[in-house]
Amino acid sequence: MIGQRIKEIRNNNNLTQEELADGIISRTYLSLIEKGSVHPSTNVLIKLSERLNCSVNDFMQEVSHFRYNDVEILREIAYYEQKMEQGDYSSLHYFIEKEYEEVEQIPAPDSGRVHLLYAKYFKHTGDRRKLRVHIDRALELLSTVSINQAYIDAVILKVELLGEEDSYEASLDLLEDTLYTILRFSDFDLGVIRILFEVAQCYHKAGEYFTSSRFVARIKKHSRMLNIDYRKDELSLLEGKNLAMLGKAEALEAMVSESGFPVMQLLDSYAKYRNGNIREAEKRFKSLGTDVEMIRQDEVLSNIHKELEKRLGSI
């Protein structure tokens, strides 16, 4: 194995793991390489060979028949997927350094998951160019098999990227194609609800409030069928904003009165104002405890806040 060969040459050079790894990789990662637990990238091999005063070919002499270990890579992918679900991006650069996307033996679906991990990482770091490259590649590779949660994750990430560019038509094309494929080949499940939510959000941002409200109603219906509350507060907020923009003040007031979500207090004040209950509207508005900066980041909420500030602020 490559790791055993690196260890042998390191020992012949009387170097410790710390001395060999210094400035190239961590000692822990070198230890994993030597144990055969991970396979280093070509770039790492070149740097190690320079420090050991040998060629990369010297590492390969006894391992010319090295093949991709699918069990190992699947274990690593699952490990880093879990890390990201927990919001931990701190160690993903170790995974990226291995350049698994360059290994031809990796099946397309697994390679797609690798690119999806990269895309999520580059979204976290703010590198939009690399995010775009890897999310497009992830979608291409993951589409070679039936739709699964990884593909849905990739679709939602792509839609977020398109949404930042106000490309709502392209977003809806992707979401609707995905939704129709799921509905054709599978029963209603959480994946359907996730896609429906993104569709509802997209129509709302595009100013299609009635269409958005129809999708919200469908989400609520299927959530009841599955006995789940998917993104309950966010869905309630989306429903409330749609009702506000559609001028359905009575329905809005009835809905927000049942919600404990802080930002709904703004919508409650707006509903009361529209229904003619000025005193209660003023009371709710002036006791608003929600972060105003957060409200200003949402176009609909920001406009509602400005209107109430103008109408009620001077009372």
Foldseek 3Di string as FASTA:
>chain_A
DLLCLLVVLCVVVVHDLCRLCPPQHDSVLSVCSNVVLAAFAPVSLCSSCVVSVHHSVSSCPVPVPDADDQVSLVVVLVVLVVCVVVVHPPPCVRVVRRVPLPHPPDQLQSNLSVLLSQLSSCVVVVPVVSNVVSLVSSLVSNVVDQDDPSNLSSLLSVLVVCVVVVVLVVNLVSLVVNLVSCVVPHDDDVSNLSSLQSNLVSCVVVVNLVVSLVSLVVSVVVCVVVVHQPVVVVSLVSNLLSCVSVVVLVVNCVSLVPDPPLLSLLSNLLSCVSVPVPVVSLVSLVPRPDDVVVQCVDPSSVVSNVVCCVVNVVD
